[in-house]
Amino acid sequence: ILKQKIRNIFLQSKSQAEAYQKRDELTAENWQVKNQHFANIIKFLNIPYFKYMTTFLDRPEISRSGNSENVIRTWRQMEKVRYGFKSDKGRIDHLKLYQLQKYLKN
Protein backbone atom coordinates (compact mmCIF):
# COMPACT_ATOMS: atom_id res chain seq x y z
CA ILE A 1 0.00 0.00 0.00
CA LEU A 2 2.80 2.44 0.88
CA LYS A 3 4.57 1.71 -2.39
CA GLN A 4 1.42 2.43 -4.40
CA LYS A 5 0.83 5.68 -2.53
CA ILE A 6 4.38 6.81 -3.28
CA ARG A 7 3.94 5.91 -6.96
CA ASN A 8 0.72 7.92 -7.01
CA ILE A 9 2.60 11.00 -5.82
CA PHE A 10 4.75 10.95 -8.94
CA LEU A 11 2.46 9.35 -11.52
CA GLN A 12 -0.97 10.79 -10.77
CA SER A 13 -0.23 14.27 -9.47
CA LYS A 14 -1.09 17.03 -11.93
CA SER A 15 1.05 19.72 -10.30
CA GLN A 16 3.86 20.16 -7.84
CA ALA A 17 1.40 21.50 -5.25
CA GLU A 18 -0.70 18.35 -5.55
CA ALA A 19 2.42 16.21 -5.12
CA TYR A 20 3.29 18.13 -1.94
CA GLN A 21 -0.27 17.63 -0.68
CA LYS A 22 -0.14 13.86 -1.31
CA ARG A 23 3.26 13.66 0.37
CA ASP A 24 1.95 15.53 3.41
CA GLU A 25 -1.10 13.25 3.59
CA LEU A 26 1.19 10.22 3.46
CA THR A 27 3.29 11.64 6.29
CA ALA A 28 0.14 12.34 8.32
CA GLU A 29 -0.86 8.67 8.03
CA ASN A 30 2.08 7.85 10.36
CA TRP A 31 3.70 5.17 8.23
CA GLN A 32 7.00 6.18 9.79
CA VAL A 33 6.03 4.71 13.17
CA LYS A 34 5.25 1.24 11.76
CA ASN A 35 8.88 0.25 11.17
CA GLN A 36 12.31 1.70 10.52
CA HIS A 37 12.23 1.09 6.75
CA PHE A 38 9.02 3.07 6.39
CA ALA A 39 10.51 5.80 8.58
CA ASN A 40 13.51 6.05 6.23
CA ILE A 41 11.22 6.27 3.20
CA ILE A 42 9.09 9.03 4.72
CA LYS A 43 12.22 10.87 5.85
CA PHE A 44 13.57 10.70 2.28
CA LEU A 45 10.34 12.10 0.87
CA ASN A 46 10.53 15.04 3.27
CA ILE A 47 14.01 16.23 2.34
CA PRO A 48 14.34 19.70 0.78
CA TYR A 49 15.19 18.08 -2.59
CA PHE A 50 11.61 16.88 -2.99
CA LYS A 51 10.97 19.98 -5.08
CA TYR A 52 13.52 18.71 -7.60
CA MET A 53 11.87 15.29 -7.67
CA THR A 54 8.57 16.88 -8.71
CA THR A 55 9.77 19.73 -10.94
CA PHE A 56 8.66 17.84 -14.05
CA LEU A 57 5.02 18.24 -12.97
CA ASP A 58 4.99 22.02 -13.45
CA ARG A 59 7.60 22.30 -16.20
CA PRO A 60 6.70 20.32 -19.32
CA GLU A 61 10.13 20.91 -20.89
CA ILE A 62 11.67 18.75 -18.14
CA SER A 63 11.24 15.05 -18.81
CA ARG A 64 10.03 12.68 -16.12
CA SER A 65 13.26 10.75 -16.42
CA GLY A 66 16.65 12.11 -17.40
CA ASN A 67 17.55 8.72 -18.91
CA SER A 68 20.81 8.88 -17.00
CA GLU A 69 20.44 5.16 -16.23
CA ASN A 70 20.67 4.32 -19.93
CA VAL A 71 23.68 6.56 -20.50
CA ILE A 72 25.49 5.14 -17.47
CA ARG A 73 24.79 1.55 -18.56
CA THR A 74 26.08 2.24 -22.09
CA TRP A 75 29.18 3.97 -20.75
CA ARG A 76 29.95 1.12 -18.32
CA GLN A 77 29.61 -1.44 -21.11
CA MET A 78 32.10 0.45 -23.24
CA GLU A 79 34.59 0.93 -20.41
CA LYS A 80 35.53 -2.73 -20.51
CA VAL A 81 37.43 -4.26 -23.39
CA ARG A 82 34.67 -5.99 -25.35
CA TYR A 83 32.46 -5.59 -28.42
CA GLY A 84 35.41 -6.41 -30.68
CA PHE A 85 37.76 -3.91 -29.05
CA LYS A 86 40.56 -6.12 -27.84
CA SER A 87 42.93 -3.41 -26.71
CA ASP A 88 42.76 -0.40 -24.46
CA LYS A 89 43.58 1.86 -27.40
CA GLY A 90 40.64 0.45 -29.38
CA ARG A 91 38.35 0.98 -26.40
CA ILE A 92 39.52 4.58 -25.92
CA ASP A 93 39.08 5.30 -29.64
CA HIS A 94 35.57 3.87 -29.46
CA LEU A 95 34.73 6.03 -26.44
CA LYS A 96 35.96 9.12 -28.29
CA LEU A 97 33.76 8.26 -31.27
CA TYR A 98 30.82 7.68 -28.94
CA GLN A 99 31.33 11.09 -27.33
CA LEU A 100 31.52 12.79 -30.71
CA GLN A 101 28.37 11.06 -31.90
CA LYS A 102 26.48 11.66 -28.66
CA TYR A 103 27.36 15.26 -27.87
CA LEU A 104 28.17 16.83 -31.22
CA LYS A 105 25.09 15.70 -33.15
CA ASN A 106 24.23 19.19 -34.35
PDB file of N, CA and C in Angstrom:
ATOM      1  N   ILE A   1       0.835  -1.189   0.000  1.00  0.00           N
ATOM      2  CA  ILE A   1       0.000   0.000   0.000  1.00  0.00           C
ATOM      3  C   ILE A   1       0.878   1.251   0.000  1.00  0.00           C
ATOM      4  N   LEU A   2       1.914   1.270   0.824  1.00  0.00           N
ATOM      5  CA  LEU A   2       2.798   2.438   0.875  1.00  0.00           C
ATOM      6  C   LEU A   2       3.457   2.665  -0.482  1.00  0.00           C
ATOM      7  N   LYS A   3       3.912   1.583  -1.088  1.00  0.00           N
ATOM      8  CA  LYS A   3       4.567   1.707  -2.393  1.00  0.00           C
ATOM      9  C   LYS A   3       3.629   2.322  -3.423  1.00  0.00           C
ATOM     10  N   GLN A   4       2.385   1.889  -3.440  1.00  0.00           N
ATOM     11  CA  GLN A   4       1.422   2.427  -4.399  1.00  0.00           C
ATOM     12  C   GLN A   4       1.143   3.906  -4.128  1.00  0.00           C
ATOM     13  N   LYS A   5       1.080   4.274  -2.869  1.00  0.00           N
ATOM     14  CA  LYS A   5       0.834   5.681  -2.534  1.00  0.00           C
ATOM     15  C   LYS A   5       2.004   6.559  -2.964  1.00  0.00           C
ATOM     16  N   ILE A   6       3.208   6.047  -2.831  1.00  0.00           N
ATOM     17  CA  ILE A   6       4.379   6.806  -3.281  1.00  0.00           C
ATOM     18  C   ILE A   6       4.365   6.937  -4.800  1.00  0.00           C
ATOM     19  N   ARG A   7       4.039   5.853  -5.483  1.00  0.00           N
ATOM     20  CA  ARG A   7       3.938   5.914  -6.956  1.00  0.00           C
ATOM     21  C   ARG A   7       2.891   6.931  -7.383  1.00  0.00           C
ATOM     22  N   ASN A   8       1.784   6.977  -6.666  1.00  0.00           N
ATOM     23  CA  ASN A   8       0.718   7.922  -7.009  1.00  0.00           C
ATOM     24  C   ASN A   8       1.185   9.374  -6.897  1.00  0.00           C
ATOM     25  N   ILE A   9       2.077   9.637  -5.959  1.00  0.00           N
ATOM     26  CA  ILE A   9       2.601  11.002  -5.823  1.00  0.00           C
ATOM     27  C   ILE A   9       3.224  11.445  -7.140  1.00  0.00           C
ATOM     28  N   PHE A  10       4.003  10.572  -7.746  1.00  0.00           N
ATOM     29  CA  PHE A  10       4.753  10.948  -8.942  1.00  0.00           C
ATOM     30  C   PHE A  10       3.999  10.694 -10.242  1.00  0.00           C
ATOM     31  N   LEU A  11       3.123   9.709 -10.260  1.00  0.00           N
ATOM     32  CA  LEU A  11       2.464   9.350 -11.518  1.00  0.00           C
ATOM     33  C   LEU A  11       1.099   9.990 -11.708  1.00  0.00           C
ATOM     34  N   GLN A  12       0.396  10.292 -10.623  1.00  0.00           N
ATOM     35  CA  GLN A  12      -0.968  10.791 -10.770  1.00  0.00           C
ATOM     36  C   GLN A  12      -1.142  12.257 -10.382  1.00  0.00           C
ATOM     37  N   SER A  13      -0.125  12.850  -9.813  1.00  0.00           N
ATOM     38  CA  SER A  13      -0.228  14.274  -9.469  1.00  0.00           C
ATOM     39  C   SER A  13      -0.195  15.107 -10.744  1.00  0.00           C
ATOM     40  N   LYS A  14      -1.012  16.147 -10.762  1.00  0.00           N
ATOM     41  CA  LYS A  14      -1.086  17.029 -11.933  1.00  0.00           C
ATOM     42  C   LYS A  14      -0.209  18.271 -11.777  1.00  0.00           C
ATOM     43  N   SER A  15       0.208  18.545 -10.543  1.00  0.00           N
ATOM     44  CA  SER A  15       1.048  19.718 -10.300  1.00  0.00           C
ATOM     45  C   SER A  15       1.965  19.434  -9.114  1.00  0.00           C
ATOM     46  N   GLN A  16       2.933  20.303  -8.953  1.00  0.00           N
ATOM     47  CA  GLN A  16       3.855  20.162  -7.837  1.00  0.00           C
ATOM     48  C   GLN A  16       3.126  20.356  -6.508  1.00  0.00           C
ATOM     49  N   ALA A  17       2.173  21.264  -6.475  1.00  0.00           N
ATOM     50  CA  ALA A  17       1.402  21.502  -5.247  1.00  0.00           C
ATOM     51  C   ALA A  17       0.615  20.257  -4.851  1.00  0.00           C
ATOM     52  N   GLU A  18       0.042  19.583  -5.841  1.00  0.00           N
ATOM     53  CA  GLU A  18      -0.700  18.351  -5.550  1.00  0.00           C
ATOM     54  C   GLU A  18       0.238  17.257  -5.044  1.00  0.00           C
ATOM     55  N   ALA A  19       1.440  17.189  -5.587  1.00  0.00           N
ATOM     56  CA  ALA A  19       2.425  16.208  -5.118  1.00  0.00           C
ATOM     57  C   ALA A  19       2.804  16.481  -3.665  1.00  0.00           C
ATOM     58  N   TYR A  20       2.997  17.763  -3.335  1.00  0.00           N
ATOM     59  CA  TYR A  20       3.290  18.126  -1.942  1.00  0.00           C
ATOM     60  C   TYR A  20       2.132  17.736  -1.028  1.00  0.00           C
ATOM     61  N   GLN A  21       0.907  17.964  -1.488  1.00  0.00           N
ATOM     62  CA  GLN A  21      -0.266  17.628  -0.682  1.00  0.00           C
ATOM     63  C   GLN A  21      -0.334  16.119  -0.433  1.00  0.00           C
ATOM     64  N   LYS A  22      -0.114  15.326  -1.473  1.00  0.00           N
ATOM     65  CA  LYS A  22      -0.139  13.865  -1.313  1.00  0.00           C
ATOM     66  C   LYS A  22       0.981  13.395  -0.393  1.00  0.00           C
ATOM     67  N   ARG A  23       2.147  14.014  -0.517  1.00  0.00           N
ATOM     68  CA  ARG A  23       3.256  13.655   0.366  1.00  0.00           C
ATOM     69  C   ARG A  23       2.916  13.974   1.813  1.00  0.00           C
ATOM     70  N   ASP A  24       2.323  15.138   2.049  1.00  0.00           N
ATOM     71  CA  ASP A  24       1.955  15.526   3.409  1.00  0.00           C
ATOM     72  C   ASP A  24       0.875  14.612   3.979  1.00  0.00           C
ATOM     73  N   GLU A  25      -0.069  14.196   3.140  1.00  0.00           N
ATOM     74  CA  GLU A  25      -1.100  13.249   3.586  1.00  0.00           C
ATOM     75  C   GLU A  25      -0.467  11.916   3.968  1.00  0.00           C
ATOM     76  N   LEU A  26       0.500  11.484   3.175  1.00  0.00           N
ATOM     77  CA  LEU A  26       1.189  10.225   3.462  1.00  0.00           C
ATOM     78  C   LEU A  26       1.943  10.317   4.785  1.00  0.00           C
ATOM     79  N   THR A  27       2.585  11.439   5.023  1.00  0.00           N
ATOM     80  CA  THR A  27       3.295  11.644   6.287  1.00  0.00           C
ATOM     81  C   THR A  27       2.315  11.659   7.457  1.00  0.00           C
ATOM     82  N   ALA A  28       1.152  12.257   7.257  1.00  0.00           N
ATOM     83  CA  ALA A  28       0.145  12.341   8.324  1.00  0.00           C
ATOM     84  C   ALA A  28      -0.445  10.979   8.671  1.00  0.00           C
ATOM     85  N   GLU A  29      -0.334  10.012   7.760  1.00  0.00           N
ATOM     86  CA  GLU A  29      -0.858   8.668   8.034  1.00  0.00           C
ATOM     87  C   GLU A  29       0.035   7.875   8.984  1.00  0.00           C
ATOM     88  N   ASN A  30       1.163   8.452   9.377  1.00  0.00           N
ATOM     89  CA  ASN A  30       2.078   7.855  10.365  1.00  0.00           C
ATOM     90  C   ASN A  30       2.667   6.512   9.943  1.00  0.00           C
ATOM     91  N   TRP A  31       2.998   6.383   8.677  1.00  0.00           N
ATOM     92  CA  TRP A  31       3.695   5.172   8.229  1.00  0.00           C
ATOM     93  C   TRP A  31       5.055   5.055   8.906  1.00  0.00           C
ATOM     94  N   GLN A  32       5.650   6.187   9.237  1.00  0.00           N
ATOM     95  CA  GLN A  32       6.998   6.184   9.791  1.00  0.00           C
ATOM     96  C   GLN A  32       7.085   5.522  11.157  1.00  0.00           C
ATOM     97  N   VAL A  33       5.971   5.346  11.848  1.00  0.00           N
ATOM     98  CA  VAL A  33       6.026   4.707  13.167  1.00  0.00           C
ATOM     99  C   VAL A  33       5.845   3.192  13.080  1.00  0.00           C
ATOM    100  N   LYS A  34       5.505   2.683  11.900  1.00  0.00           N
ATOM    101  CA  LYS A  34       5.246   1.242  11.763  1.00  0.00           C
ATOM    102  C   LYS A  34       6.525   0.419  11.767  1.00  0.00           C
ATOM    103  N   ASN A  35       7.568   0.887  11.086  1.00  0.00           N
ATOM    104  CA  ASN A  35       8.881   0.249  11.172  1.00  0.00           C
ATOM    105  C   ASN A  35       9.957   1.194  10.646  1.00  0.00           C
ATOM    106  N   GLN A  36      11.192   0.820  10.854  1.00  0.00           N
ATOM    107  CA  GLN A  36      12.313   1.698  10.518  1.00  0.00           C
ATOM    108  C   GLN A  36      12.442   1.932   9.016  1.00  0.00           C
ATOM    109  N   HIS A  37      12.135   0.921   8.206  1.00  0.00           N
ATOM    110  CA  HIS A  37      12.234   1.085   6.754  1.00  0.00           C
ATOM    111  C   HIS A  37      11.238   2.135   6.264  1.00  0.00           C
ATOM    112  N   PHE A  38      10.029   2.067   6.764  1.00  0.00           N
ATOM    113  CA  PHE A  38       9.022   3.069   6.389  1.00  0.00           C
ATOM    114  C   PHE A  38       9.449   4.459   6.867  1.00  0.00           C
ATOM    115  N   ALA A  39      10.043   4.507   8.049  1.00  0.00           N
ATOM    116  CA  ALA A  39      10.512   5.796   8.578  1.00  0.00           C
ATOM    117  C   ALA A  39      11.574   6.398   7.659  1.00  0.00           C
ATOM    118  N   ASN A  40      12.475   5.563   7.155  1.00  0.00           N
ATOM    119  CA  ASN A  40      13.508   6.054   6.235  1.00  0.00           C
ATOM    120  C   ASN A  40      12.899   6.550   4.928  1.00  0.00           C
ATOM    121  N   ILE A  41      11.884   5.867   4.439  1.00  0.00           N
ATOM    122  CA  ILE A  41      11.221   6.271   3.197  1.00  0.00           C
ATOM    123  C   ILE A  41      10.542   7.626   3.381  1.00  0.00           C
ATOM    124  N   ILE A  42       9.792   7.767   4.460  1.00  0.00           N
ATOM    125  CA  ILE A  42       9.085   9.027   4.717  1.00  0.00           C
ATOM    126  C   ILE A  42      10.088  10.161   4.942  1.00  0.00           C
ATOM    127  N   LYS A  43      11.173   9.862   5.637  1.00  0.00           N
ATOM    128  CA  LYS A  43      12.219  10.868   5.851  1.00  0.00           C
ATOM    129  C   LYS A  43      12.805  11.315   4.510  1.00  0.00           C
ATOM    130  N   PHE A  44      13.035  10.362   3.606  1.00  0.00           N
ATOM    131  CA  PHE A  44      13.574  10.695   2.285  1.00  0.00           C
ATOM    132  C   PHE A  44      12.609  11.578   1.498  1.00  0.00           C
ATOM    133  N   LEU A  45      11.322  11.295   1.598  1.00  0.00           N
ATOM    134  CA  LEU A  45      10.338  12.097   0.867  1.00  0.00           C
ATOM    135  C   LEU A  45      10.206  13.511   1.430  1.00  0.00           C
ATOM    136  N   ASN A  46      10.654  13.722   2.645  1.00  0.00           N
ATOM    137  CA  ASN A  46      10.529  15.035   3.273  1.00  0.00           C
ATOM    138  C   ASN A  46      11.817  15.855   3.246  1.00  0.00           C
ATOM    139  N   ILE A  47      12.785  15.436   2.456  1.00  0.00           N
ATOM    140  CA  ILE A  47      14.008  16.230   2.343  1.00  0.00           C
ATOM    141  C   ILE A  47      13.739  17.452   1.467  1.00  0.00           C
ATOM    142  N   PRO A  48      14.559  18.485   1.588  1.00  0.00           N
ATOM    143  CA  PRO A  48      14.342  19.697   0.775  1.00  0.00           C
ATOM    144  C   PRO A  48      14.418  19.451  -0.732  1.00  0.00           C
ATOM    145  N   TYR A  49      15.052  18.366  -1.160  1.00  0.00           N
ATOM    146  CA  TYR A  49      15.194  18.083  -2.586  1.00  0.00           C
ATOM    147  C   TYR A  49      13.916  17.539  -3.220  1.00  0.00           C
ATOM    148  N   PHE A  50      12.871  17.374  -2.442  1.00  0.00           N
ATOM    149  CA  PHE A  50      11.607  16.876  -2.994  1.00  0.00           C
ATOM    150  C   PHE A  50      11.121  17.773  -4.127  1.00  0.00           C
ATOM    151  N   LYS A  51      11.398  19.066  -4.018  1.00  0.00           N
ATOM    152  CA  LYS A  51      10.968  19.985  -5.079  1.00  0.00           C
ATOM    153  C   LYS A  51      11.626  19.628  -6.405  1.00  0.00           C
ATOM    154  N   TYR A  52      12.846  19.122  -6.366  1.00  0.00           N
ATOM    155  CA  TYR A  52      13.516  18.713  -7.602  1.00  0.00           C
ATOM    156  C   TYR A  52      12.940  17.406  -8.141  1.00  0.00           C
ATOM    157  N   MET A  53      12.470  16.556  -7.244  1.00  0.00           N
ATOM    158  CA  MET A  53      11.868  15.290  -7.671  1.00  0.00           C
ATOM    159  C   MET A  53      10.552  15.509  -8.403  1.00  0.00           C
ATOM    160  N   THR A  54       9.897  16.626  -8.129  1.00  0.00           N
ATOM    161  CA  THR A  54       8.574  16.879  -8.712  1.00  0.00           C
ATOM    162  C   THR A  54       8.558  18.054  -9.685  1.00  0.00           C
ATOM    163  N   THR A  55       9.698  18.577 -10.029  1.00  0.00           N
ATOM    164  CA  THR A  55       9.766  19.730 -10.936  1.00  0.00           C
ATOM    165  C   THR A  55       9.101  19.437 -12.271  1.00  0.00           C
ATOM    166  N   PHE A  56       9.214  18.204 -12.748  1.00  0.00           N
ATOM    167  CA  PHE A  56       8.660  17.844 -14.055  1.00  0.00           C
ATOM    168  C   PHE A  56       7.145  18.037 -14.116  1.00  0.00           C
ATOM    169  N   LEU A  57       6.477  18.089 -12.972  1.00  0.00           N
ATOM    170  CA  LEU A  57       5.020  18.241 -12.968  1.00  0.00           C
ATOM    171  C   LEU A  57       4.590  19.629 -13.427  1.00  0.00           C
ATOM    172  N   ASP A  58       5.342  20.647 -13.082  1.00  0.00           N
ATOM    173  CA  ASP A  58       4.988  22.019 -13.453  1.00  0.00           C
ATOM    174  C   ASP A  58       5.757  22.543 -14.659  1.00  0.00           C
ATOM    175  N   ARG A  59       6.774  21.824 -15.075  1.00  0.00           N
ATOM    176  CA  ARG A  59       7.599  22.299 -16.196  1.00  0.00           C
ATOM    177  C   ARG A  59       7.633  21.232 -17.279  1.00  0.00           C
ATOM    178  N   PRO A  60       6.799  21.356 -18.294  1.00  0.00           N
ATOM    179  CA  PRO A  60       6.700  20.317 -19.325  1.00  0.00           C
ATOM    180  C   PRO A  60       7.988  20.103 -20.119  1.00  0.00           C
ATOM    181  N   GLU A  61       8.882  21.085 -20.136  1.00  0.00           N
ATOM    182  CA  GLU A  61      10.127  20.908 -20.885  1.00  0.00           C
ATOM    183  C   GLU A  61      11.108  19.978 -20.174  1.00  0.00           C
ATOM    184  N   ILE A  62      10.826  19.674 -18.903  1.00  0.00           N
ATOM    185  CA  ILE A  62      11.665  18.750 -18.145  1.00  0.00           C
ATOM    186  C   ILE A  62      11.023  17.374 -18.213  1.00  0.00           C
ATOM    187  N   SER A  63      11.796  16.403 -18.677  1.00  0.00           N
ATOM    188  CA  SER A  63      11.241  15.054 -18.811  1.00  0.00           C
ATOM    189  C   SER A  63      11.128  14.387 -17.441  1.00  0.00           C
ATOM    190  N   ARG A  64      10.242  13.416 -17.369  1.00  0.00           N
ATOM    191  CA  ARG A  64      10.027  12.680 -16.123  1.00  0.00           C
ATOM    192  C   ARG A  64      11.299  11.950 -15.710  1.00  0.00           C
ATOM    193  N   SER A  65      12.023  11.466 -16.682  1.00  0.00           N
ATOM    194  CA  SER A  65      13.263  10.752 -16.420  1.00  0.00           C
ATOM    195  C   SER A  65      14.367  11.381 -17.253  1.00  0.00           C
ATOM    196  N   GLY A  66      15.526  11.549 -16.667  1.00  0.00           N
ATOM    197  CA  GLY A  66      16.648  12.109 -17.400  1.00  0.00           C
ATOM    198  C   GLY A  66      17.364  11.081 -18.256  1.00  0.00           C
ATOM    199  N   ASN A  67      16.926   9.829 -18.189  1.00  0.00           N
ATOM    200  CA  ASN A  67      17.550   8.722 -18.914  1.00  0.00           C
ATOM    201  C   ASN A  67      19.014   8.541 -18.544  1.00  0.00           C
ATOM    202  N   SER A  68      19.412   9.031 -17.398  1.00  0.00           N
ATOM    203  CA  SER A  68      20.807   8.879 -16.999  1.00  0.00           C
ATOM    204  C   SER A  68      21.160   7.411 -16.789  1.00  0.00           C
ATOM    205  N   GLU A  69      20.176   6.578 -16.422  1.00  0.00           N
ATOM    206  CA  GLU A  69      20.444   5.157 -16.229  1.00  0.00           C
ATOM    207  C   GLU A  69      20.925   4.524 -17.527  1.00  0.00           C
ATOM    208  N   ASN A  70      20.285   4.890 -18.637  1.00  0.00           N
ATOM    209  CA  ASN A  70      20.674   4.321 -19.927  1.00  0.00           C
ATOM    210  C   ASN A  70      22.064   4.775 -20.346  1.00  0.00           C
ATOM    211  N   VAL A  71      22.368   6.034 -20.127  1.00  0.00           N
ATOM    212  CA  VAL A  71      23.683   6.556 -20.495  1.00  0.00           C
ATOM    213  C   VAL A  71      24.759   5.894 -19.654  1.00  0.00           C
ATOM    214  N   ILE A  72      24.510   5.754 -18.359  1.00  0.00           N
ATOM    215  CA  ILE A  72      25.493   5.138 -17.470  1.00  0.00           C
ATOM    216  C   ILE A  72      25.724   3.688 -17.865  1.00  0.00           C
ATOM    217  N   ARG A  73      24.656   2.949 -18.166  1.00  0.00           N
ATOM    218  CA  ARG A  73      24.790   1.549 -18.559  1.00  0.00           C
ATOM    219  C   ARG A  73      25.622   1.434 -19.839  1.00  0.00           C
ATOM    220  N   THR A  74      25.333   2.265 -20.832  1.00  0.00           N
ATOM    221  CA  THR A  74      26.084   2.237 -22.088  1.00  0.00           C
ATOM    222  C   THR A  74      27.553   2.559 -21.847  1.00  0.00           C
ATOM    223  N   TRP A  75      27.801   3.570 -21.045  1.00  0.00           N
ATOM    224  CA  TRP A  75      29.178   3.969 -20.751  1.00  0.00           C
ATOM    225  C   TRP A  75      29.929   2.845 -20.047  1.00  0.00           C
ATOM    226  N   ARG A  76      29.304   2.212 -19.063  1.00  0.00           N
ATOM    227  CA  ARG A  76      29.951   1.119 -18.325  1.00  0.00           C
ATOM    228  C   ARG A  76      30.256  -0.055 -19.246  1.00  0.00           C
ATOM    229  N   GLN A  77      29.366  -0.346 -20.180  1.00  0.00           N
ATOM    230  CA  GLN A  77      29.614  -1.441 -21.109  1.00  0.00           C
ATOM    231  C   GLN A  77      30.823  -1.143 -21.984  1.00  0.00           C
ATOM    232  N   MET A  78      30.986   0.106 -22.361  1.00  0.00           N
ATOM    233  CA  MET A  78      32.097   0.453 -23.244  1.00  0.00           C
ATOM    234  C   MET A  78      33.409   0.631 -22.492  1.00  0.00           C
ATOM    235  N   GLU A  79      33.360   0.774 -21.176  1.00  0.00           N
ATOM    236  CA  GLU A  79      34.594   0.932 -20.407  1.00  0.00           C
ATOM    237  C   GLU A  79      35.448  -0.326 -20.454  1.00  0.00           C
ATOM    238  N   LYS A  80      34.804  -1.472 -20.508  1.00  0.00           N
ATOM    239  CA  LYS A  80      35.531  -2.731 -20.514  1.00  0.00           C
ATOM    240  C   LYS A  80      35.932  -3.075 -21.940  1.00  0.00           C
ATOM    241  N   VAL A  81      36.981  -3.845 -22.071  1.00  0.00           N
ATOM    242  CA  VAL A  81      37.428  -4.262 -23.395  1.00  0.00           C
ATOM    243  C   VAL A  81      36.494  -5.371 -23.866  1.00  0.00           C
ATOM    244  N   ARG A  82      35.599  -5.027 -24.766  1.00  0.00           N
ATOM    245  CA  ARG A  82      34.667  -5.990 -25.349  1.00  0.00           C
ATOM    246  C   ARG A  82      34.082  -5.400 -26.612  1.00  0.00           C
ATOM    247  N   TYR A  83      33.093  -6.034 -27.169  1.00  0.00           N
ATOM    248  CA  TYR A  83      32.465  -5.595 -28.417  1.00  0.00           C
ATOM    249  C   TYR A  83      33.484  -5.486 -29.550  1.00  0.00           C
ATOM    250  N   GLY A  84      34.436  -6.406 -29.596  1.00  0.00           N
ATOM    251  CA  GLY A  84      35.406  -6.409 -30.676  1.00  0.00           C
ATOM    252  C   GLY A  84      36.605  -5.513 -30.435  1.00  0.00           C
ATOM    253  N   PHE A  85      36.617  -4.763 -29.362  1.00  0.00           N
ATOM    254  CA  PHE A  85      37.755  -3.907 -29.046  1.00  0.00           C
ATOM    255  C   PHE A  85      38.648  -4.676 -28.092  1.00  0.00           C
ATOM    256  N   LYS A  86      39.734  -5.222 -28.631  1.00  0.00           N
ATOM    257  CA  LYS A  86      40.559  -6.122 -27.843  1.00  0.00           C
ATOM    258  C   LYS A  86      41.726  -5.423 -27.157  1.00  0.00           C
ATOM    259  N   SER A  87      41.838  -4.132 -27.362  1.00  0.00           N
ATOM    260  CA  SER A  87      42.933  -3.410 -26.712  1.00  0.00           C
ATOM    261  C   SER A  87      42.379  -2.158 -26.038  1.00  0.00           C
ATOM    262  N   ASP A  88      43.162  -1.636 -25.126  1.00  0.00           N
ATOM    263  CA  ASP A  88      42.757  -0.397 -24.456  1.00  0.00           C
ATOM    264  C   ASP A  88      42.686   0.762 -25.444  1.00  0.00           C
ATOM    265  N   LYS A  89      43.604   0.791 -26.412  1.00  0.00           N
ATOM    266  CA  LYS A  89      43.583   1.862 -27.404  1.00  0.00           C
ATOM    267  C   LYS A  89      42.297   1.803 -28.233  1.00  0.00           C
ATOM    268  N   GLY A  90      41.891   0.596 -28.624  1.00  0.00           N
ATOM    269  CA  GLY A  90      40.642   0.450 -29.377  1.00  0.00           C
ATOM    270  C   GLY A  90      39.441   0.905 -28.561  1.00  0.00           C
ATOM    271  N   ARG A  91      39.450   0.569 -27.283  1.00  0.00           N
ATOM    272  CA  ARG A  91      38.355   0.979 -26.401  1.00  0.00           C
ATOM    273  C   ARG A  91      38.312   2.501 -26.270  1.00  0.00           C
ATOM    274  N   ILE A  92      39.457   3.120 -26.067  1.00  0.00           N
ATOM    275  CA  ILE A  92      39.515   4.578 -25.925  1.00  0.00           C
ATOM    276  C   ILE A  92      39.069   5.264 -27.209  1.00  0.00           C
ATOM    277  N   ASP A  93      39.516   4.729 -28.355  1.00  0.00           N
ATOM    278  CA  ASP A  93      39.079   5.297 -29.638  1.00  0.00           C
ATOM    279  C   ASP A  93      37.567   5.194 -29.786  1.00  0.00           C
ATOM    280  N   HIS A  94      37.019   4.058 -29.372  1.00  0.00           N
ATOM    281  CA  HIS A  94      35.571   3.870 -29.460  1.00  0.00           C
ATOM    282  C   HIS A  94      34.842   4.860 -28.551  1.00  0.00           C
ATOM    283  N   LEU A  95      35.355   5.072 -27.350  1.00  0.00           N
ATOM    284  CA  LEU A  95      34.735   6.031 -26.436  1.00  0.00           C
ATOM    285  C   LEU A  95      34.781   7.447 -27.006  1.00  0.00           C
ATOM    286  N   LYS A  96      35.873   7.798 -27.662  1.00  0.00           N
ATOM    287  CA  LYS A  96      35.965   9.122 -28.291  1.00  0.00           C
ATOM    288  C   LYS A  96      34.916   9.268 -29.388  1.00  0.00           C
ATOM    289  N   LEU A  97      34.779   8.226 -30.208  1.00  0.00           N
ATOM    290  CA  LEU A  97      33.763   8.262 -31.268  1.00  0.00           C
ATOM    291  C   LEU A  97      32.361   8.359 -30.676  1.00  0.00           C
ATOM    292  N   TYR A  98      32.130   7.627 -29.590  1.00  0.00           N
ATOM    293  CA  TYR A  98      30.821   7.677 -28.936  1.00  0.00           C
ATOM    294  C   TYR A  98      30.531   9.090 -28.441  1.00  0.00           C
ATOM    295  N   GLN A  99      31.519   9.729 -27.818  1.00  0.00           N
ATOM    296  CA  GLN A  99      31.330  11.094 -27.326  1.00  0.00           C
ATOM    297  C   GLN A  99      31.038  12.054 -28.469  1.00  0.00           C
ATOM    298  N   LEU A 100      31.769  11.928 -29.557  1.00  0.00           N
ATOM    299  CA  LEU A 100      31.520  12.792 -30.712  1.00  0.00           C
ATOM    300  C   LEU A 100      30.103  12.601 -31.232  1.00  0.00           C
ATOM    301  N   GLN A 101      29.700  11.354 -31.372  1.00  0.00           N
ATOM    302  CA  GLN A 101      28.367  11.057 -31.901  1.00  0.00           C
ATOM    303  C   GLN A 101      27.283  11.529 -30.946  1.00  0.00           C
ATOM    304  N   LYS A 102      27.502  11.352 -29.662  1.00  0.00           N
ATOM    305  CA  LYS A 102      26.479  11.659 -28.662  1.00  0.00           C
ATOM    306  C   LYS A 102      26.325  13.163 -28.426  1.00  0.00           C
ATOM    307  N   TYR A 103      27.423  13.869 -28.313  1.00  0.00           N
ATOM    308  CA  TYR A 103      27.363  15.256 -27.868  1.00  0.00           C
ATOM    309  C   TYR A 103      27.524  16.294 -28.973  1.00  0.00           C
ATOM    310  N   LEU A 104      27.976  15.875 -30.137  1.00  0.00           N
ATOM    311  CA  LEU A 104      28.170  16.831 -31.223  1.00  0.00           C
ATOM    312  C   LEU A 104      27.248  16.521 -32.396  1.00  0.00           C
ATOM    313  N   LYS A 105      26.046  16.073 -32.105  1.00  0.00           N
ATOM    314  CA  LYS A 105      25.092  15.701 -33.149  1.00  0.00           C
ATOM    315  C   LYS A 105      24.786  16.858 -34.088  1.00  0.00           C
ATOM    316  N   ASN A 106      24.680  18.049 -33.546  1.00  0.00           N
ATOM    317  CA  ASN A 106      24.232  19.191 -34.347  1.00  0.00           C
ATOM    318  C   ASN A 106      25.277  19.579 -35.296  1.00  0.00           C
TER     319      ASN A 106
END
